[in-house]
Amino acid sequence: MANPTEDHFFKVALRMVDRAGTLVRDAFEQPTSNVETKSSNTDLVTETDKAVEELLIRGLSKEFPDHKFIGEESVSGGQKVELTDAPTWIIDPIDGTTNFVHRIPLIGICVGLAIKKQLRAGIVYNPITRELFSAQKGKGAFKNGFPIHVSKTEELNKAVICTSLGIHNLKTLGEPWLDNALANQKKTVLAGVRGHRAFGSAAINMVYVAQGSIDAYVEYGLHCWDIAAAAMILKEAGKPFNLMGRTVLCAGTPSLAKELSSALTHVEMETEGDAIQED
């Protein structure tokens, strides 16, 4: 169970996320946005993305000067991914940046907290739809204050699953990866899956599994900031999770996870930094 100190960490983070949500919502409602291109035109960064991370890190640092941070924009700027025993906030300022740029209202401000390399809290906030997903270790998972739980679907032919072609993998893994990804989609169709969805945000995909809207989700090549906050929510909604492996395969039930996994040809990804420890 979370202790009073961690409760304080969590409440401060909620306040910071709410402030960040106002910033994102105001920018989203504008007709245009200044966009930079990093490595390709599929990896878009808005000035809002940067402003949100700065707001969160500045606010949390002011309250907790001894805490550490792993942020998407900070790492893009050259900071090393380093997870220590110190309280560490893992931040994706806007997960679903392409959605944001194209004004598709499926985005998440993601803030996860690890202490002694264990996930202790997670917040995923979509400020456009005003959906606030949150969890603390041992306290359950919630959406806008109401408990949520994973689905009970056990068979792939009764499941709706999230998959993504994850075009970010094309640059590093090449066309063989793409062939494999397309083949995996074909395999799930032939296995009778009810439908595929792709929401353009790993965090949104995962919290929709956590609330039972989606039965399973699989993707490769993600980073810890994409999934840390949602992983905590998913764990508290009923499923274990491995954070640093850069591979997501989560489902509402063990039997569905096993059937989906056996239907796929998996891609091996190197881990990113030290692994989150499970207690």
C-alpha atoms as a PDB file:
ATOM      1  CA  MET A   1       0.000   0.000   0.000  1.00  0.00           C
ATOM      2  CA  ALA A   2       1.110   3.538  -0.637  1.00  0.00           C
ATOM      3  CA  ASN A   3       2.366   5.452   2.384  1.00  0.00           C
ATOM      4  CA  PRO A   4       1.526   9.071   3.315  1.00  0.00           C
ATOM      5  CA  THR A   5       4.718  10.336   1.677  1.00  0.00           C
ATOM      6  CA  GLU A   6       3.820   8.656  -1.599  1.00  0.00           C
ATOM      7  CA  ASP A   7       0.269   9.970  -1.287  1.00  0.00           C
ATOM      8  CA  HIS A   8       1.750  13.468  -1.163  1.00  0.00           C
ATOM      9  CA  PHE A   9       3.894  12.774  -4.235  1.00  0.00           C
ATOM     10  CA  PHE A  10       0.793  11.566  -6.058  1.00  0.00           C
ATOM     11  CA  LYS A  11      -1.407  14.522  -5.113  1.00  0.00           C
ATOM     12  CA  VAL A  12       1.229  17.029  -6.223  1.00  0.00           C
ATOM     13  CA  ALA A  13       1.627  15.180  -9.522  1.00  0.00           C
ATOM     14  CA  LEU A  14      -2.137  15.291 -10.066  1.00  0.00           C
ATOM     15  CA  ARG A  15      -2.088  19.073  -9.605  1.00  0.00           C
ATOM     16  CA  MET A  16       0.784  19.445 -12.058  1.00  0.00           C
ATOM     17  CA  VAL A  17      -0.952  17.217 -14.616  1.00  0.00           C
ATOM     18  CA  ASP A  18      -4.140  19.262 -14.315  1.00  0.00           C
ATOM     19  CA  ARG A  19      -2.162  22.438 -15.042  1.00  0.00           C
ATOM     20  CA  ALA A  20      -0.460  20.748 -17.980  1.00  0.00           C
ATOM     21  CA  GLY A  21      -3.865  19.647 -19.260  1.00  0.00           C
ATOM     22  CA  THR A  22      -5.049  23.240 -19.491  1.00  0.00           C
ATOM     23  CA  LEU A  23      -1.954  24.119 -21.510  1.00  0.00           C
ATOM     24  CA  VAL A  24      -2.485  21.201 -23.896  1.00  0.00           C
ATOM     25  CA  ARG A  25      -6.212  21.832 -24.295  1.00  0.00           C
ATOM     26  CA  ASP A  26      -5.674  25.517 -25.080  1.00  0.00           C
ATOM     27  CA  ALA A  27      -3.104  24.632 -27.739  1.00  0.00           C
ATOM     28  CA  PHE A  28      -5.241  21.826 -29.167  1.00  0.00           C
ATOM     29  CA  GLU A  29      -8.134  24.221 -29.697  1.00  0.00           C
ATOM     30  CA  GLN A  30      -5.990  26.542 -31.817  1.00  0.00           C
ATOM     31  CA  PRO A  31      -6.325  26.041 -35.600  1.00  0.00           C
ATOM     32  CA  THR A  32      -2.600  25.551 -36.186  1.00  0.00           C
ATOM     33  CA  SER A  33       0.523  24.525 -34.283  1.00  0.00           C
ATOM     34  CA  ASN A  34       4.216  25.133 -34.837  1.00  0.00           C
ATOM     35  CA  VAL A  35       5.801  21.777 -35.573  1.00  0.00           C
ATOM     36  CA  GLU A  36       9.407  20.682 -35.769  1.00  0.00           C
ATOM     37  CA  THR A  37      10.521  17.493 -37.475  1.00  0.00           C
ATOM     38  CA  LYS A  38      13.088  15.347 -35.647  1.00  0.00           C
ATOM     39  CA  SER A  39      14.259  12.191 -37.411  1.00  0.00           C
ATOM     40  CA  SER A  40      11.320  11.917 -39.819  1.00  0.00           C
ATOM     41  CA  ASN A  41       7.939  13.406 -40.507  1.00  0.00           C
ATOM     42  CA  THR A  42       6.344  10.616 -38.480  1.00  0.00           C
ATOM     43  CA  ASP A  43       8.163  11.828 -35.348  1.00  0.00           C
ATOM     44  CA  LEU A  44       6.622  15.228 -34.789  1.00  0.00           C
ATOM     45  CA  VAL A  45       7.377  17.448 -31.842  1.00  0.00           C
ATOM     46  CA  THR A  46       5.255  20.460 -31.012  1.00  0.00           C
ATOM     47  CA  GLU A  47       6.324  23.363 -28.884  1.00  0.00           C
ATOM     48  CA  THR A  48       3.464  22.341 -26.584  1.00  0.00           C
ATOM     49  CA  ASP A  49       5.155  18.971 -26.038  1.00  0.00           C
ATOM     50  CA  LYS A  50       8.272  20.735 -24.789  1.00  0.00           C
ATOM     51  CA  ALA A  51       6.331  23.234 -22.688  1.00  0.00           C
ATOM     52  CA  VAL A  52       4.387  20.479 -20.935  1.00  0.00           C
ATOM     53  CA  GLU A  53       7.525  18.549 -19.973  1.00  0.00           C
ATOM     54  CA  GLU A  54       9.149  21.732 -18.687  1.00  0.00           C
ATOM     55  CA  LEU A  55       6.045  22.563 -16.637  1.00  0.00           C
ATOM     56  CA  LEU A  56       5.906  19.098 -15.079  1.00  0.00           C
ATOM     57  CA  ILE A  57       9.615  18.840 -14.303  1.00  0.00           C
ATOM     58  CA  ARG A  58       9.812  22.390 -12.967  1.00  0.00           C
ATOM     59  CA  GLY A  59       6.754  21.932 -10.742  1.00  0.00           C
ATOM     60  CA  LEU A  60       7.781  18.553  -9.375  1.00  0.00           C
ATOM     61  CA  SER A  61      11.404  19.655  -8.872  1.00  0.00           C
ATOM     62  CA  LYS A  62      10.261  22.644  -6.842  1.00  0.00           C
ATOM     63  CA  GLU A  63       8.302  20.371  -4.493  1.00  0.00           C
ATOM     64  CA  PHE A  64      10.782  17.475  -4.497  1.00  0.00           C
ATOM     65  CA  PRO A  65      14.297  18.742  -5.277  1.00  0.00           C
ATOM     66  CA  ASP A  66      15.925  15.343  -4.666  1.00  0.00           C
ATOM     67  CA  HIS A  67      13.751  13.507  -7.189  1.00  0.00           C
ATOM     68  CA  LYS A  68      15.015  12.362 -10.585  1.00  0.00           C
ATOM     69  CA  PHE A  69      13.385  12.531 -14.018  1.00  0.00           C
ATOM     70  CA  ILE A  70      13.265  10.572 -17.255  1.00  0.00           C
ATOM     71  CA  GLY A  71      11.407  12.615 -19.877  1.00  0.00           C
ATOM     72  CA  GLU A  72      10.918  12.003 -23.579  1.00  0.00           C
ATOM     73  CA  GLU A  73      12.014  15.483 -24.596  1.00  0.00           C
ATOM     74  CA  SER A  74      14.950  15.489 -22.163  1.00  0.00           C
ATOM     75  CA  VAL A  75      16.211  12.199 -23.596  1.00  0.00           C
ATOM     76  CA  SER A  76      15.736  13.537 -27.131  1.00  0.00           C
ATOM     77  CA  GLY A  77      17.956  16.433 -26.051  1.00  0.00           C
ATOM     78  CA  GLY A  78      20.745  14.080 -24.992  1.00  0.00           C
ATOM     79  CA  GLN A  79      19.930  13.090 -21.408  1.00  0.00           C
ATOM     80  CA  LYS A  80      20.738   9.458 -20.593  1.00  0.00           C
ATOM     81  CA  VAL A  81      18.001   7.050 -19.552  1.00  0.00           C
ATOM     82  CA  GLU A  82      19.046   6.224 -15.999  1.00  0.00           C
ATOM     83  CA  LEU A  83      16.827   4.567 -13.425  1.00  0.00           C
ATOM     84  CA  THR A  84      18.219   4.623  -9.877  1.00  0.00           C
ATOM     85  CA  ASP A  85      16.746   3.855  -6.472  1.00  0.00           C
ATOM     86  CA  ALA A  86      15.824   7.523  -6.057  1.00  0.00           C
ATOM     87  CA  PRO A  87      12.194   8.547  -6.626  1.00  0.00           C
ATOM     88  CA  THR A  88      12.050   8.965 -10.404  1.00  0.00           C
ATOM     89  CA  TRP A  89       9.303  10.550 -12.464  1.00  0.00           C
ATOM     90  CA  ILE A  90       8.976   9.022 -15.940  1.00  0.00           C
ATOM     91  CA  ILE A  91       7.236  11.520 -18.218  1.00  0.00           C
ATOM     92  CA  ASP A  92       5.770  11.574 -21.692  1.00  0.00           C
ATOM     93  CA  PRO A  93       4.383  15.103 -22.025  1.00  0.00           C
ATOM     94  CA  ILE A  94       2.067  14.218 -24.904  1.00  0.00           C
ATOM     95  CA  ASP A  95       1.787  10.582 -25.905  1.00  0.00           C
ATOM     96  CA  GLY A  96       0.120  10.640 -29.292  1.00  0.00           C
ATOM     97  CA  THR A  97       1.913  13.668 -30.699  1.00  0.00           C
ATOM     98  CA  THR A  98       0.823  12.916 -34.256  1.00  0.00           C
ATOM     99  CA  ASN A  99      -2.778  12.786 -33.061  1.00  0.00           C
ATOM    100  CA  PHE A 100      -2.238  16.160 -31.414  1.00  0.00           C
ATOM    101  CA  VAL A 101      -0.790  17.692 -34.568  1.00  0.00           C
ATOM    102  CA  HIS A 102      -3.673  16.382 -36.672  1.00  0.00           C
ATOM    103  CA  ARG A 103      -6.261  17.329 -34.035  1.00  0.00           C
ATOM    104  CA  ILE A 104      -7.315  13.757 -33.295  1.00  0.00           C
ATOM    105  CA  PRO A 105      -8.460  13.845 -29.648  1.00  0.00           C
ATOM    106  CA  LEU A 106      -6.664  10.692 -28.480  1.00  0.00           C
ATOM    107  CA  ILE A 107      -3.634  11.837 -26.486  1.00  0.00           C
ATOM    108  CA  GLY A 108      -2.253  11.333 -23.012  1.00  0.00           C
ATOM    109  CA  ILE A 109      -0.169  13.341 -20.570  1.00  0.00           C
ATOM    110  CA  CYS A 110       1.735  10.520 -18.877  1.00  0.00           C
ATOM    111  CA  VAL A 111       3.445  10.688 -15.488  1.00  0.00           C
ATOM    112  CA  GLY A 112       4.741   7.540 -13.791  1.00  0.00           C
ATOM    113  CA  LEU A 113       6.618   7.294 -10.493  1.00  0.00           C
ATOM    114  CA  ALA A 114       9.233   4.649  -9.687  1.00  0.00           C
ATOM    115  CA  ILE A 115      10.877   4.335  -6.261  1.00  0.00           C
ATOM    116  CA  LYS A 116      13.729   1.891  -5.719  1.00  0.00           C
ATOM    117  CA  LYS A 117      13.109   0.733  -9.304  1.00  0.00           C
ATOM    118  CA  GLN A 118       9.508  -0.230  -8.529  1.00  0.00           C
ATOM    119  CA  LEU A 119       6.505   1.442 -10.122  1.00  0.00           C
ATOM    120  CA  ARG A 120       4.482   3.143  -7.398  1.00  0.00           C
ATOM    121  CA  ALA A 121       2.044   5.445  -9.207  1.00  0.00           C
ATOM    122  CA  GLY A 122       0.792   6.341 -12.656  1.00  0.00           C
ATOM    123  CA  ILE A 123      -1.314   9.096 -14.196  1.00  0.00           C
ATOM    124  CA  VAL A 124      -2.574   9.228 -17.788  1.00  0.00           C
ATOM    125  CA  TYR A 125      -4.709  12.264 -18.555  1.00  0.00           C
ATOM    126  CA  ASN A 126      -6.440  13.023 -21.834  1.00  0.00           C
ATOM    127  CA  PRO A 127      -7.208  16.731 -21.430  1.00  0.00           C
ATOM    128  CA  ILE A 128      -9.334  16.823 -24.582  1.00  0.00           C
ATOM    129  CA  THR A 129     -11.822  14.157 -23.476  1.00  0.00           C
ATOM    130  CA  ARG A 130     -11.134  14.899 -19.806  1.00  0.00           C
ATOM    131  CA  GLU A 131     -10.463  11.248 -19.020  1.00  0.00           C
ATOM    132  CA  LEU A 132      -8.160  10.919 -16.005  1.00  0.00           C
ATOM    133  CA  PHE A 133      -6.723   7.441 -15.440  1.00  0.00           C
ATOM    134  CA  SER A 134      -4.717   6.932 -12.274  1.00  0.00           C
ATOM    135  CA  ALA A 135      -3.336   4.295  -9.946  1.00  0.00           C
ATOM    136  CA  GLN A 136      -1.162   3.878  -6.874  1.00  0.00           C
ATOM    137  CA  LYS A 137       0.491   0.633  -5.876  1.00  0.00           C
ATOM    138  CA  GLY A 138      -1.996  -1.558  -4.010  1.00  0.00           C
ATOM    139  CA  LYS A 139      -4.911   0.877  -4.297  1.00  0.00           C
ATOM    140  CA  GLY A 140      -6.491  -0.172  -7.583  1.00  0.00           C
ATOM    141  CA  ALA A 141      -6.969   1.664 -10.873  1.00  0.00           C
ATOM    142  CA  PHE A 142      -9.426   4.474 -11.524  1.00  0.00           C
ATOM    143  CA  LYS A 143     -10.944   6.566 -14.292  1.00  0.00           C
ATOM    144  CA  ASN A 144     -12.243   9.925 -13.116  1.00  0.00           C
ATOM    145  CA  GLY A 145     -12.425   8.500  -9.605  1.00  0.00           C
ATOM    146  CA  PHE A 146     -14.319   5.313 -10.477  1.00  0.00           C
ATOM    147  CA  PRO A 147     -12.684   1.846 -10.295  1.00  0.00           C
ATOM    148  CA  ILE A 148     -11.782   0.143 -13.567  1.00  0.00           C
ATOM    149  CA  HIS A 149     -10.760  -3.416 -14.391  1.00  0.00           C
ATOM    150  CA  VAL A 150      -9.549  -5.435 -17.358  1.00  0.00           C
ATOM    151  CA  SER A 151     -11.968  -7.500 -19.430  1.00  0.00           C
ATOM    152  CA  LYS A 152     -12.671 -11.197 -18.850  1.00  0.00           C
ATOM    153  CA  THR A 153     -12.391 -12.194 -22.516  1.00  0.00           C
ATOM    154  CA  GLU A 154     -10.458 -15.447 -22.833  1.00  0.00           C
ATOM    155  CA  GLU A 155     -10.600 -16.296 -26.548  1.00  0.00           C
ATOM    156  CA  LEU A 156      -9.027 -14.439 -29.456  1.00  0.00           C
ATOM    157  CA  ASN A 157     -12.090 -14.924 -31.656  1.00  0.00           C
ATOM    158  CA  LYS A 158     -14.124 -12.951 -29.122  1.00  0.00           C
ATOM    159  CA  ALA A 159     -11.552 -10.193 -28.636  1.00  0.00           C
ATOM    160  CA  VAL A 160     -11.006  -6.681 -29.927  1.00  0.00           C
ATOM    161  CA  ILE A 161      -7.284  -5.987 -29.943  1.00  0.00           C
ATOM    162  CA  CYS A 162      -5.025  -2.982 -30.388  1.00  0.00           C
ATOM    163  CA  THR A 163      -2.119  -3.368 -32.760  1.00  0.00           C
ATOM    164  CA  SER A 164       0.098  -0.822 -34.450  1.00  0.00           C
ATOM    165  CA  LEU A 165       2.437  -0.966 -37.399  1.00  0.00           C
ATOM    166  CA  GLY A 166       4.741   1.161 -35.251  1.00  0.00           C
ATOM    167  CA  ILE A 167       6.368   2.880 -38.202  1.00  0.00           C
ATOM    168  CA  HIS A 168       9.105   4.086 -35.823  1.00  0.00           C
ATOM    169  CA  ASN A 169      10.552   0.567 -36.092  1.00  0.00           C
ATOM    170  CA  LEU A 170      11.014   0.760 -39.856  1.00  0.00           C
ATOM    171  CA  LYS A 171      14.113   2.955 -39.607  1.00  0.00           C
ATOM    172  CA  THR A 172      15.943   0.677 -37.173  1.00  0.00           C
ATOM    173  CA  LEU A 173      14.671  -2.772 -38.202  1.00  0.00           C
ATOM    174  CA  GLY A 174      13.981  -2.291 -41.900  1.00  0.00           C
ATOM    175  CA  GLU A 175      11.486  -3.922 -44.237  1.00  0.00           C
ATOM    176  CA  PRO A 176      11.795  -7.423 -42.705  1.00  0.00           C
ATOM    177  CA  TRP A 177      10.207  -5.993 -39.561  1.00  0.00           C
ATOM    178  CA  LEU A 178       7.359  -4.501 -41.632  1.00  0.00           C
ATOM    179  CA  ASP A 179       6.773  -7.824 -43.386  1.00  0.00           C
ATOM    180  CA  ASN A 180       6.589  -9.499 -39.977  1.00  0.00           C
ATOM    181  CA  ALA A 181       4.186  -6.870 -38.594  1.00  0.00           C
ATOM    182  CA  LEU A 182       1.839  -7.237 -41.564  1.00  0.00           C
ATOM    183  CA  ALA A 183       2.021 -11.016 -41.317  1.00  0.00           C
ATOM    184  CA  ASN A 184       1.099 -10.817 -37.619  1.00  0.00           C
ATOM    185  CA  GLN A 185      -1.998  -8.795 -38.444  1.00  0.00           C
ATOM    186  CA  LYS A 186      -2.987 -11.390 -41.030  1.00  0.00           C
ATOM    187  CA  LYS A 187      -2.497 -14.186 -38.475  1.00  0.00           C
ATOM    188  CA  THR A 188      -4.829 -12.536 -35.964  1.00  0.00           C
ATOM    189  CA  VAL A 189      -7.467 -11.970 -38.651  1.00  0.00           C
ATOM    190  CA  LEU A 190      -7.280 -15.635 -39.647  1.00  0.00           C
ATOM    191  CA  ALA A 191      -7.516 -16.562 -35.946  1.00  0.00           C
ATOM    192  CA  GLY A 192     -10.903 -14.852 -35.930  1.00  0.00           C
ATOM    193  CA  VAL A 193     -10.232 -11.712 -33.905  1.00  0.00           C
ATOM    194  CA  ARG A 194     -13.342  -9.520 -33.792  1.00  0.00           C
ATOM    195  CA  GLY A 195     -11.477  -6.387 -34.767  1.00  0.00           C
ATOM    196  CA  HIS A 196      -8.269  -4.362 -34.701  1.00  0.00           C
ATOM    197  CA  ARG A 197      -7.972  -0.852 -33.306  1.00  0.00           C
ATOM    198  CA  ALA A 198      -5.027   1.550 -33.250  1.00  0.00           C
ATOM    199  CA  PHE A 199      -5.493   4.756 -31.276  1.00  0.00           C
ATOM    200  CA  GLY A 200      -2.128   6.351 -32.045  1.00  0.00           C
ATOM    201  CA  SER A 201      -1.006   6.420 -28.405  1.00  0.00           C
ATOM    202  CA  ALA A 202       0.520   3.534 -26.480  1.00  0.00           C
ATOM    203  CA  ALA A 203      -0.768   4.989 -23.216  1.00  0.00           C
ATOM    204  CA  ILE A 204      -4.331   5.277 -24.501  1.00  0.00           C
ATOM    205  CA  ASN A 205      -4.160   1.751 -25.903  1.00  0.00           C
ATOM    206  CA  MET A 206      -3.041   0.451 -22.519  1.00  0.00           C
ATOM    207  CA  VAL A 207      -5.525   2.314 -20.330  1.00  0.00           C
ATOM    208  CA  TYR A 208      -8.314   1.143 -22.634  1.00  0.00           C
ATOM    209  CA  VAL A 209      -7.144  -2.403 -21.887  1.00  0.00           C
ATOM    210  CA  ALA A 210      -7.130  -1.459 -18.206  1.00  0.00           C
ATOM    211  CA  GLN A 211     -10.771  -0.329 -18.340  1.00  0.00           C
ATOM    212  CA  GLY A 212     -11.860  -3.360 -20.385  1.00  0.00           C
ATOM    213  CA  SER A 213     -12.748  -1.505 -23.598  1.00  0.00           C
ATOM    214  CA  ILE A 214      -9.983  -3.346 -25.464  1.00  0.00           C
ATOM    215  CA  ASP A 215      -9.180  -6.965 -24.694  1.00  0.00           C
ATOM    216  CA  ALA A 216      -5.478  -6.980 -25.649  1.00  0.00           C
ATOM    217  CA  TYR A 217      -2.679  -4.819 -27.042  1.00  0.00           C
ATOM    218  CA  VAL A 218       0.618  -5.674 -28.683  1.00  0.00           C
ATOM    219  CA  GLU A 219       3.409  -3.414 -29.946  1.00  0.00           C
ATOM    220  CA  TYR A 220       7.190  -3.378 -30.235  1.00  0.00           C
ATOM    221  CA  GLY A 221       9.887  -0.709 -29.982  1.00  0.00           C
ATOM    222  CA  LEU A 222       8.351   1.512 -27.319  1.00  0.00           C
ATOM    223  CA  HIS A 223      10.227   3.483 -24.654  1.00  0.00           C
ATOM    224  CA  CYS A 224       9.710   3.591 -20.896  1.00  0.00           C
ATOM    225  CA  TRP A 225       8.090   7.035 -21.030  1.00  0.00           C
ATOM    226  CA  ASP A 226       5.497   5.724 -23.501  1.00  0.00           C
ATOM    227  CA  ILE A 227       4.260   3.094 -21.091  1.00  0.00           C
ATOM    228  CA  ALA A 228       5.369   3.677 -17.466  1.00  0.00           C
ATOM    229  CA  ALA A 229       2.291   5.561 -16.260  1.00  0.00           C
ATOM    230  CA  ALA A 230      -0.140   3.314 -18.116  1.00  0.00           C
ATOM    231  CA  ALA A 231       1.729   0.201 -16.936  1.00  0.00           C
ATOM    232  CA  MET A 232       1.013   1.117 -13.323  1.00  0.00           C
ATOM    233  CA  ILE A 233      -2.669   1.627 -14.121  1.00  0.00           C
ATOM    234  CA  LEU A 234      -2.789  -1.644 -16.036  1.00  0.00           C
ATOM    235  CA  LYS A 235      -1.119  -3.527 -13.185  1.00  0.00           C
ATOM    236  CA  GLU A 236      -3.621  -2.157 -10.684  1.00  0.00           C
ATOM    237  CA  ALA A 237      -6.495  -2.960 -13.062  1.00  0.00           C
ATOM    238  CA  GLY A 238      -5.497  -6.592 -12.933  1.00  0.00           C
ATOM    239  CA  LYS A 239      -2.417  -7.405 -15.029  1.00  0.00           C
ATOM    240  CA  PRO A 240       1.347  -7.670 -14.349  1.00  0.00           C
ATOM    241  CA  PHE A 241       3.742  -5.789 -16.609  1.00  0.00           C
ATOM    242  CA  ASN A 242       7.422  -5.648 -17.654  1.00  0.00           C
ATOM    243  CA  LEU A 243       8.380  -2.009 -18.201  1.00  0.00           C
ATOM    244  CA  MET A 244      11.838  -1.796 -19.701  1.00  0.00           C
ATOM    245  CA  GLY A 245      11.640  -4.557 -22.301  1.00  0.00           C
ATOM    246  CA  ARG A 246      10.356  -2.211 -25.059  1.00  0.00           C
ATOM    247  CA  THR A 247       7.689  -4.809 -25.953  1.00  0.00           C
ATOM    248  CA  VAL A 248       4.037  -4.585 -24.966  1.00  0.00           C
ATOM    249  CA  LEU A 249       1.763  -7.604 -24.937  1.00  0.00           C
ATOM    250  CA  CYS A 250      -1.041  -7.221 -22.457  1.00  0.00           C
ATOM    251  CA  ALA A 251      -4.473  -8.824 -22.238  1.00  0.00           C
ATOM    252  CA  GLY A 252      -7.352  -9.010 -19.813  1.00  0.00           C
ATOM    253  CA  THR A 253      -6.849 -12.717 -19.103  1.00  0.00           C
ATOM    254  CA  PRO A 254      -3.841 -15.073 -19.106  1.00  0.00           C
ATOM    255  CA  SER A 255      -5.511 -17.393 -21.603  1.00  0.00           C
ATOM    256  CA  LEU A 256      -6.082 -14.588 -24.111  1.00  0.00           C
ATOM    257  CA  ALA A 257      -2.504 -13.357 -23.658  1.00  0.00           C
ATOM    258  CA  LYS A 258      -1.191 -16.879 -24.295  1.00  0.00           C
ATOM    259  CA  GLU A 259      -3.328 -17.415 -27.398  1.00  0.00           C
ATOM    260  CA  LEU A 260      -2.403 -14.030 -28.854  1.00  0.00           C
ATOM    261  CA  SER A 261       1.288 -14.521 -28.120  1.00  0.00           C
ATOM    262  CA  SER A 262       1.338 -17.966 -29.743  1.00  0.00           C
ATOM    263  CA  ALA A 263      -0.309 -16.549 -32.876  1.00  0.00           C
ATOM    264  CA  LEU A 264       2.446 -13.983 -33.411  1.00  0.00           C
ATOM    265  CA  THR A 265       6.036 -13.993 -34.613  1.00  0.00           C
ATOM    266  CA  HIS A 266       7.744 -11.793 -32.041  1.00  0.00           C
ATOM    267  CA  VAL A 267      10.509  -9.227 -32.477  1.00  0.00           C
ATOM    268  CA  GLU A 268      13.373  -9.252 -29.990  1.00  0.00           C
ATOM    269  CA  MET A 269      14.190  -5.769 -28.675  1.00  0.00           C
ATOM    270  CA  GLU A 270      17.092  -4.737 -26.463  1.00  0.00           C
ATOM    271  CA  THR A 271      16.121  -3.499 -23.012  1.00  0.00           C
ATOM    272  CA  GLU A 272      16.483   0.188 -22.248  1.00  0.00           C
ATOM    273  CA  GLY A 273      18.330   0.896 -19.026  1.00  0.00           C
ATOM    274  CA  ASP A 274      17.756  -1.000 -15.790  1.00  0.00           C
ATOM    275  CA  ALA A 275      14.576  -3.011 -15.463  1.00  0.00           C
ATOM    276  CA  ILE A 276      11.772  -2.080 -13.136  1.00  0.00           C
ATOM    277  CA  GLN A 277      11.797  -4.543 -10.250  1.00  0.00           C
ATOM    278  CA  GLU A 278       8.621  -6.356  -9.257  1.00  0.00           C
ATOM    279  CA  ASP A 279       7.830  -7.019  -5.598  1.00  0.00           C
END
